[in-house]
Amino acid sequence: MSLGERLDAHRMRFEATADPKILGVLHRATEDLHRSGILERVVRVGDRAPDFALPDSRERIMRLSDAITRGPVVLSFYRGHW
């Protein structure tokens, strides 16, 4: 099963049991993102990322350029509040 298929199955299981009010909020937020045009500005597979430095979970500054020298890097982008 591909990752996309697994994610679709997970979404369907979640939506089958989630509170309809919560689903409404999630669906409206997703539609708002689509309408904002953000999808035309997102980083795509194969795009070259600019170098940057950010603190890791232990507050140590990590640079993308340093991490790449040790091997492949996977970047995850989270949009929202913590």
PDB file of N, CA and C in Angstrom:
ATOM      1  N   MET A   1       0.858  -1.176   0.000  1.00  0.00           N
ATOM      2  CA  MET A   1       0.000   0.000   0.000  1.00  0.00           C
ATOM      3  C   MET A   1       0.905   1.240   0.000  1.00  0.00           C
ATOM      4  N   SER A   2       0.630   2.179  -0.890  1.00  0.00           N
ATOM      5  CA  SER A   2       1.427   3.396  -0.981  1.00  0.00           C
ATOM      6  C   SER A   2       1.128   4.312   0.206  1.00  0.00           C
ATOM      7  N   LEU A   3       2.006   5.286   0.407  1.00  0.00           N
ATOM      8  CA  LEU A   3       1.784   6.250   1.481  1.00  0.00           C
ATOM      9  C   LEU A   3       0.479   6.996   1.255  1.00  0.00           C
ATOM     10  N   GLY A   4       0.210   7.400   0.015  1.00  0.00           N
ATOM     11  CA  GLY A   4      -1.033   8.101  -0.291  1.00  0.00           C
ATOM     12  C   GLY A   4      -2.251   7.273   0.051  1.00  0.00           C
ATOM     13  N   GLU A   5      -2.207   5.993  -0.271  1.00  0.00           N
ATOM     14  CA  GLU A   5      -3.330   5.098   0.047  1.00  0.00           C
ATOM     15  C   GLU A   5      -3.497   4.953   1.555  1.00  0.00           C
ATOM     16  N   ARG A   6      -2.381   4.851   2.258  1.00  0.00           N
ATOM     17  CA  ARG A   6      -2.449   4.730   3.716  1.00  0.00           C
ATOM     18  C   ARG A   6      -3.020   6.002   4.343  1.00  0.00           C
ATOM     19  N   LEU A   7      -2.595   7.164   3.825  1.00  0.00           N
ATOM     20  CA  LEU A   7      -3.119   8.424   4.354  1.00  0.00           C
ATOM     21  C   LEU A   7      -4.610   8.566   4.061  1.00  0.00           C
ATOM     22  N   ASP A   8      -5.032   8.172   2.858  1.00  0.00           N
ATOM     23  CA  ASP A   8      -6.460   8.223   2.524  1.00  0.00           C
ATOM     24  C   ASP A   8      -7.275   7.330   3.449  1.00  0.00           C
ATOM     25  N   ALA A   9      -6.760   6.123   3.728  1.00  0.00           N
ATOM     26  CA  ALA A   9      -7.463   5.196   4.613  1.00  0.00           C
ATOM     27  C   ALA A   9      -7.547   5.764   6.027  1.00  0.00           C
ATOM     28  N   HIS A  10      -6.471   6.367   6.486  1.00  0.00           N
ATOM     29  CA  HIS A  10      -6.462   6.974   7.822  1.00  0.00           C
ATOM     30  C   HIS A  10      -7.484   8.113   7.888  1.00  0.00           C
ATOM     31  N   ARG A  11      -7.509   8.967   6.864  1.00  0.00           N
ATOM     32  CA  ARG A  11      -8.454  10.080   6.830  1.00  0.00           C
ATOM     33  C   ARG A  11      -9.885   9.569   6.863  1.00  0.00           C
ATOM     34  N   MET A  12     -10.167   8.528   6.083  1.00  0.00           N
ATOM     35  CA  MET A  12     -11.532   7.988   6.037  1.00  0.00           C
ATOM     36  C   MET A  12     -11.939   7.409   7.394  1.00  0.00           C
ATOM     37  N   ARG A  13     -11.012   6.718   8.075  1.00  0.00           N
ATOM     38  CA  ARG A  13     -11.326   6.183   9.413  1.00  0.00           C
ATOM     39  C   ARG A  13     -11.587   7.324  10.390  1.00  0.00           C
ATOM     40  N   PHE A  14     -10.753   8.357  10.326  1.00  0.00           N
ATOM     41  CA  PHE A  14     -10.928   9.502  11.225  1.00  0.00           C
ATOM     42  C   PHE A  14     -12.275  10.172  10.974  1.00  0.00           C
ATOM     43  N   GLU A  15     -12.582  10.430   9.701  1.00  0.00           N
ATOM     44  CA  GLU A  15     -13.822  11.138   9.380  1.00  0.00           C
ATOM     45  C   GLU A  15     -15.065  10.321   9.718  1.00  0.00           C
ATOM     46  N   ALA A  16     -14.933   9.003   9.743  1.00  0.00           N
ATOM     47  CA  ALA A  16     -16.084   8.154  10.072  1.00  0.00           C
ATOM     48  C   ALA A  16     -16.453   8.249  11.551  1.00  0.00           C
ATOM     49  N   THR A  17     -15.497   8.656  12.391  1.00  0.00           N
ATOM     50  CA  THR A  17     -15.759   8.668  13.832  1.00  0.00           C
ATOM     51  C   THR A  17     -15.657  10.055  14.465  1.00  0.00           C
ATOM     52  N   ALA A  18     -15.198  11.054  13.708  1.00  0.00           N
ATOM     53  CA  ALA A  18     -14.973  12.387  14.282  1.00  0.00           C
ATOM     54  C   ALA A  18     -16.287  13.131  14.492  1.00  0.00           C
ATOM     55  N   ASP A  19     -16.265  14.020  15.433  1.00  0.00           N
ATOM     56  CA  ASP A  19     -17.402  14.909  15.710  1.00  0.00           C
ATOM     57  C   ASP A  19     -17.662  15.759  14.458  1.00  0.00           C
ATOM     58  N   PRO A  20     -18.888  15.794  13.966  1.00  0.00           N
ATOM     59  CA  PRO A  20     -19.200  16.579  12.759  1.00  0.00           C
ATOM     60  C   PRO A  20     -18.833  18.061  12.887  1.00  0.00           C
ATOM     61  N   LYS A  21     -18.916  18.630  14.070  1.00  0.00           N
ATOM     62  CA  LYS A  21     -18.533  20.030  14.253  1.00  0.00           C
ATOM     63  C   LYS A  21     -17.038  20.216  13.997  1.00  0.00           C
ATOM     64  N   ILE A  22     -16.248  19.284  14.499  1.00  0.00           N
ATOM     65  CA  ILE A  22     -14.800  19.346  14.284  1.00  0.00           C
ATOM     66  C   ILE A  22     -14.484  19.152  12.809  1.00  0.00           C
ATOM     67  N   LEU A  23     -15.149  18.202  12.184  1.00  0.00           N
ATOM     68  CA  LEU A  23     -14.938  17.979  10.751  1.00  0.00           C
ATOM     69  C   LEU A  23     -15.276  19.230   9.951  1.00  0.00           C
ATOM     70  N   GLY A  24     -16.331  19.910  10.314  1.00  0.00           N
ATOM     71  CA  GLY A  24     -16.702  21.140   9.626  1.00  0.00           C
ATOM     72  C   GLY A  24     -15.602  22.182   9.714  1.00  0.00           C
ATOM     73  N   VAL A  25     -15.036  22.338  10.909  1.00  0.00           N
ATOM     74  CA  VAL A  25     -13.948  23.303  11.106  1.00  0.00           C
ATOM     75  C   VAL A  25     -12.745  22.901  10.257  1.00  0.00           C
ATOM     76  N   LEU A  26     -12.382  21.621  10.290  1.00  0.00           N
ATOM     77  CA  LEU A  26     -11.233  21.148   9.511  1.00  0.00           C
ATOM     78  C   LEU A  26     -11.449  21.342   8.017  1.00  0.00           C
ATOM     79  N   HIS A  27     -12.620  21.029   7.540  1.00  0.00           N
ATOM     80  CA  HIS A  27     -12.903  21.162   6.102  1.00  0.00           C
ATOM     81  C   HIS A  27     -12.905  22.630   5.672  1.00  0.00           C
ATOM     82  N   ARG A  28     -13.462  23.507   6.525  1.00  0.00           N
ATOM     83  CA  ARG A  28     -13.449  24.939   6.194  1.00  0.00           C
ATOM     84  C   ARG A  28     -12.026  25.480   6.176  1.00  0.00           C
ATOM     85  N   ALA A  29     -11.210  25.063   7.124  1.00  0.00           N
ATOM     86  CA  ALA A  29      -9.813  25.509   7.170  1.00  0.00           C
ATOM     87  C   ALA A  29      -9.056  25.039   5.929  1.00  0.00           C
ATOM     88  N   THR A  30      -9.316  23.806   5.515  1.00  0.00           N
ATOM     89  CA  THR A  30      -8.672  23.282   4.304  1.00  0.00           C
ATOM     90  C   THR A  30      -9.105  24.069   3.081  1.00  0.00           C
ATOM     91  N   GLU A  31     -10.381  24.362   2.972  1.00  0.00           N
ATOM     92  CA  GLU A  31     -10.874  25.156   1.840  1.00  0.00           C
ATOM     93  C   GLU A  31     -10.285  26.566   1.856  1.00  0.00           C
ATOM     94  N   ASP A  32     -10.160  27.153   3.051  1.00  0.00           N
ATOM     95  CA  ASP A  32      -9.549  28.481   3.161  1.00  0.00           C
ATOM     96  C   ASP A  32      -8.116  28.459   2.640  1.00  0.00           C
ATOM     97  N   LEU A  33      -7.377  27.406   2.970  1.00  0.00           N
ATOM     98  CA  LEU A  33      -6.001  27.278   2.474  1.00  0.00           C
ATOM     99  C   LEU A  33      -5.977  27.166   0.959  1.00  0.00           C
ATOM    100  N   HIS A  34      -6.860  26.354   0.403  1.00  0.00           N
ATOM    101  CA  HIS A  34      -6.929  26.213  -1.058  1.00  0.00           C
ATOM    102  C   HIS A  34      -7.210  27.559  -1.712  1.00  0.00           C
ATOM    103  N   ARG A  35      -8.173  28.285  -1.182  1.00  0.00           N
ATOM    104  CA  ARG A  35      -8.555  29.581  -1.764  1.00  0.00           C
ATOM    105  C   ARG A  35      -7.458  30.637  -1.601  1.00  0.00           C
ATOM    106  N   SER A  36      -6.596  30.480  -0.607  1.00  0.00           N
ATOM    107  CA  SER A  36      -5.552  31.477  -0.346  1.00  0.00           C
ATOM    108  C   SER A  36      -4.470  31.489  -1.416  1.00  0.00           C
ATOM    109  N   GLY A  37      -4.381  30.420  -2.213  1.00  0.00           N
ATOM    110  CA  GLY A  37      -3.332  30.330  -3.221  1.00  0.00           C
ATOM    111  C   GLY A  37      -2.032  29.747  -2.697  1.00  0.00           C
ATOM    112  N   ILE A  38      -2.049  29.262  -1.481  1.00  0.00           N
ATOM    113  CA  ILE A  38      -0.828  28.742  -0.866  1.00  0.00           C
ATOM    114  C   ILE A  38      -0.241  27.563  -1.650  1.00  0.00           C
ATOM    115  N   LEU A  39      -1.098  26.795  -2.302  1.00  0.00           N
ATOM    116  CA  LEU A  39      -0.599  25.614  -3.022  1.00  0.00           C
ATOM    117  C   LEU A  39       0.311  25.983  -4.177  1.00  0.00           C
ATOM    118  N   GLU A  40       0.195  27.198  -4.710  1.00  0.00           N
ATOM    119  CA  GLU A  40       1.073  27.638  -5.784  1.00  0.00           C
ATOM    120  C   GLU A  40       2.437  28.065  -5.257  1.00  0.00           C
ATOM    121  N   ARG A  41       2.549  28.237  -3.937  1.00  0.00           N
ATOM    122  CA  ARG A  41       3.802  28.730  -3.351  1.00  0.00           C
ATOM    123  C   ARG A  41       4.540  27.691  -2.509  1.00  0.00           C
ATOM    124  N   VAL A  42       4.014  26.473  -2.398  1.00  0.00           N
ATOM    125  CA  VAL A  42       4.631  25.483  -1.527  1.00  0.00           C
ATOM    126  C   VAL A  42       5.899  24.909  -2.143  1.00  0.00           C
ATOM    127  N   VAL A  43       6.769  24.408  -1.297  1.00  0.00           N
ATOM    128  CA  VAL A  43       7.973  23.724  -1.742  1.00  0.00           C
ATOM    129  C   VAL A  43       7.557  22.374  -2.314  1.00  0.00           C
ATOM    130  N   ARG A  44       8.097  22.026  -3.447  1.00  0.00           N
ATOM    131  CA  ARG A  44       7.754  20.776  -4.126  1.00  0.00           C
ATOM    132  C   ARG A  44       8.901  19.773  -4.001  1.00  0.00           C
ATOM    133  N   VAL A  45       8.580  18.521  -4.196  1.00  0.00           N
ATOM    134  CA  VAL A  45       9.602  17.476  -4.207  1.00  0.00           C
ATOM    135  C   VAL A  45      10.642  17.845  -5.251  1.00  0.00           C
ATOM    136  N   GLY A  46      11.902  17.802  -4.862  1.00  0.00           N
ATOM    137  CA  GLY A  46      12.984  18.112  -5.778  1.00  0.00           C
ATOM    138  C   GLY A  46      13.437  19.554  -5.741  1.00  0.00           C
ATOM    139  N   ASP A  47      12.652  20.454  -5.113  1.00  0.00           N
ATOM    140  CA  ASP A  47      13.074  21.846  -5.001  1.00  0.00           C
ATOM    141  C   ASP A  47      14.288  21.938  -4.088  1.00  0.00           C
ATOM    142  N   ARG A  48      15.179  22.850  -4.394  1.00  0.00           N
ATOM    143  CA  ARG A  48      16.363  23.072  -3.561  1.00  0.00           C
ATOM    144  C   ARG A  48      15.978  24.028  -2.426  1.00  0.00           C
ATOM    145  N   ALA A  49      16.239  23.602  -1.218  1.00  0.00           N
ATOM    146  CA  ALA A  49      15.920  24.430  -0.047  1.00  0.00           C
ATOM    147  C   ALA A  49      17.067  25.399   0.233  1.00  0.00           C
ATOM    148  N   PRO A  50      16.752  26.618   0.596  1.00  0.00           N
ATOM    149  CA  PRO A  50      17.816  27.550   0.999  1.00  0.00           C
ATOM    150  C   PRO A  50      18.390  27.105   2.342  1.00  0.00           C
ATOM    151  N   ASP A  51      19.650  27.434   2.577  1.00  0.00           N
ATOM    152  CA  ASP A  51      20.249  27.088   3.864  1.00  0.00           C
ATOM    153  C   ASP A  51      19.565  27.908   4.959  1.00  0.00           C
ATOM    154  N   PHE A  52      19.411  27.308   6.117  1.00  0.00           N
ATOM    155  CA  PHE A  52      18.821  28.001   7.261  1.00  0.00           C
ATOM    156  C   PHE A  52      19.353  27.374   8.531  1.00  0.00           C
ATOM    157  N   ALA A  53      19.179  28.076   9.635  1.00  0.00           N
ATOM    158  CA  ALA A  53      19.595  27.580  10.946  1.00  0.00           C
ATOM    159  C   ALA A  53      18.442  27.769  11.909  1.00  0.00           C
ATOM    160  N   LEU A  54      18.138  26.713  12.654  1.00  0.00           N
ATOM    161  CA  LEU A  54      17.053  26.751  13.636  1.00  0.00           C
ATOM    162  C   LEU A  54      17.467  25.926  14.855  1.00  0.00           C
ATOM    163  N   PRO A  55      16.881  26.231  16.016  1.00  0.00           N
ATOM    164  CA  PRO A  55      17.191  25.407  17.194  1.00  0.00           C
ATOM    165  C   PRO A  55      16.490  24.052  17.094  1.00  0.00           C
ATOM    166  N   ASP A  56      17.192  23.006  17.542  1.00  0.00           N
ATOM    167  CA  ASP A  56      16.571  21.685  17.602  1.00  0.00           C
ATOM    168  C   ASP A  56      15.835  21.534  18.933  1.00  0.00           C
ATOM    169  N   SER A  57      15.382  20.335  19.231  1.00  0.00           N
ATOM    170  CA  SER A  57      14.595  20.106  20.453  1.00  0.00           C
ATOM    171  C   SER A  57      15.395  20.336  21.727  1.00  0.00           C
ATOM    172  N   ARG A  58      16.715  20.386  21.598  1.00  0.00           N
ATOM    173  CA  ARG A  58      17.570  20.651  22.764  1.00  0.00           C
ATOM    174  C   ARG A  58      18.149  22.065  22.731  1.00  0.00           C
ATOM    175  N   GLU A  59      17.557  22.913  21.867  1.00  0.00           N
ATOM    176  CA  GLU A  59      17.966  24.314  21.730  1.00  0.00           C
ATOM    177  C   GLU A  59      19.351  24.478  21.104  1.00  0.00           C
ATOM    178  N   ARG A  60      19.907  23.420  20.482  1.00  0.00           N
ATOM    179  CA  ARG A  60      21.171  23.548  19.743  1.00  0.00           C
ATOM    180  C   ARG A  60      20.842  24.066  18.346  1.00  0.00           C
ATOM    181  N   ILE A  61      21.627  24.999  17.858  1.00  0.00           N
ATOM    182  CA  ILE A  61      21.403  25.540  16.524  1.00  0.00           C
ATOM    183  C   ILE A  61      21.870  24.511  15.490  1.00  0.00           C
ATOM    184  N   MET A  62      20.959  24.180  14.583  1.00  0.00           N
ATOM    185  CA  MET A  62      21.249  23.216  13.515  1.00  0.00           C
ATOM    186  C   MET A  62      21.132  23.932  12.175  1.00  0.00           C
ATOM    187  N   ARG A  63      22.109  23.712  11.300  1.00  0.00           N
ATOM    188  CA  ARG A  63      22.096  24.292   9.954  1.00  0.00           C
ATOM    189  C   ARG A  63      21.766  23.186   8.959  1.00  0.00           C
ATOM    190  N   LEU A  64      20.948  23.505   7.993  1.00  0.00           N
ATOM    191  CA  LEU A  64      20.635  22.542   6.939  1.00  0.00           C
ATOM    192  C   LEU A  64      21.900  22.113   6.219  1.00  0.00           C
ATOM    193  N   SER A  65      22.771  23.045   5.904  1.00  0.00           N
ATOM    194  CA  SER A  65      23.999  22.706   5.175  1.00  0.00           C
ATOM    195  C   SER A  65      24.863  21.713   5.953  1.00  0.00           C
ATOM    196  N   ASP A  66      24.877  21.798   7.279  1.00  0.00           N
ATOM    197  CA  ASP A  66      25.637  20.832   8.084  1.00  0.00           C
ATOM    198  C   ASP A  66      24.981  19.460   8.064  1.00  0.00           C
ATOM    199  N   ALA A  67      23.660  19.440   8.169  1.00  0.00           N
ATOM    200  CA  ALA A  67      22.945  18.161   8.183  1.00  0.00           C
ATOM    201  C   ALA A  67      23.111  17.423   6.858  1.00  0.00           C
ATOM    202  N   ILE A  68      23.118  18.142   5.749  1.00  0.00           N
ATOM    203  CA  ILE A  68      23.244  17.515   4.429  1.00  0.00           C
ATOM    204  C   ILE A  68      24.588  16.820   4.277  1.00  0.00           C
ATOM    205  N   THR A  69      25.620  17.329   4.935  1.00  0.00           N
ATOM    206  CA  THR A  69      26.937  16.689   4.813  1.00  0.00           C
ATOM    207  C   THR A  69      26.951  15.305   5.450  1.00  0.00           C
ATOM    208  N   ARG A  70      25.997  15.039   6.339  1.00  0.00           N
ATOM    209  CA  ARG A  70      25.935  13.727   7.009  1.00  0.00           C
ATOM    210  C   ARG A  70      25.023  12.742   6.288  1.00  0.00           C
ATOM    211  N   GLY A  71      24.296  13.202   5.255  1.00  0.00           N
ATOM    212  CA  GLY A  71      23.411  12.312   4.508  1.00  0.00           C
ATOM    213  C   GLY A  71      22.118  13.000   4.133  1.00  0.00           C
ATOM    214  N   PRO A  72      21.179  12.229   3.580  1.00  0.00           N
ATOM    215  CA  PRO A  72      19.894  12.819   3.157  1.00  0.00           C
ATOM    216  C   PRO A  72      19.158  13.460   4.331  1.00  0.00           C
ATOM    217  N   VAL A  73      18.393  14.500   4.021  1.00  0.00           N
ATOM    218  CA  VAL A  73      17.645  15.247   5.030  1.00  0.00           C
ATOM    219  C   VAL A  73      16.174  15.243   4.645  1.00  0.00           C
ATOM    220  N   VAL A  74      15.327  14.999   5.613  1.00  0.00           N
ATOM    221  CA  VAL A  74      13.880  15.100   5.413  1.00  0.00           C
ATOM    222  C   VAL A  74      13.409  16.310   6.207  1.00  0.00           C
ATOM    223  N   LEU A  75      12.731  17.221   5.519  1.00  0.00           N
ATOM    224  CA  LEU A  75      12.193  18.408   6.175  1.00  0.00           C
ATOM    225  C   LEU A  75      10.694  18.260   6.325  1.00  0.00           C
ATOM    226  N   SER A  76      10.199  18.609   7.478  1.00  0.00           N
ATOM    227  CA  SER A  76       8.757  18.608   7.735  1.00  0.00           C
ATOM    228  C   SER A  76       8.356  20.020   8.070  1.00  0.00           C
ATOM    229  N   PHE A  77       7.313  20.507   7.423  1.00  0.00           N
ATOM    230  CA  PHE A  77       6.828  21.853   7.666  1.00  0.00           C
ATOM    231  C   PHE A  77       5.479  21.770   8.360  1.00  0.00           C
ATOM    232  N   TYR A  78       5.347  22.466   9.471  1.00  0.00           N
ATOM    233  CA  TYR A  78       4.103  22.482  10.216  1.00  0.00           C
ATOM    234  C   TYR A  78       3.542  23.891  10.169  1.00  0.00           C
ATOM    235  N   ARG A  79       2.292  23.995   9.806  1.00  0.00           N
ATOM    236  CA  ARG A  79       1.629  25.288   9.778  1.00  0.00           C
ATOM    237  C   ARG A  79       0.617  25.296  10.915  1.00  0.00           C
ATOM    238  N   GLY A  80       0.750  26.216  11.799  1.00  0.00           N
ATOM    239  CA  GLY A  80      -0.220  26.282  12.881  1.00  0.00           C
ATOM    240  C   GLY A  80       0.407  26.675  14.195  1.00  0.00           C
ATOM    241  N   HIS A  81      -0.363  26.540  15.244  1.00  0.00           N
ATOM    242  CA  HIS A  81       0.062  26.942  16.591  1.00  0.00           C
ATOM    243  C   HIS A  81       0.438  25.707  17.391  1.00  0.00           C
ATOM    244  N   TRP A  82       1.345  25.890  18.325  1.00  0.00           N
ATOM    245  CA  TRP A  82       1.715  24.787  19.222  1.00  0.00           C
ATOM    246  C   TRP A  82       1.260  25.104  20.610  1.00  0.00           C
TER     247      TRP A  82
END
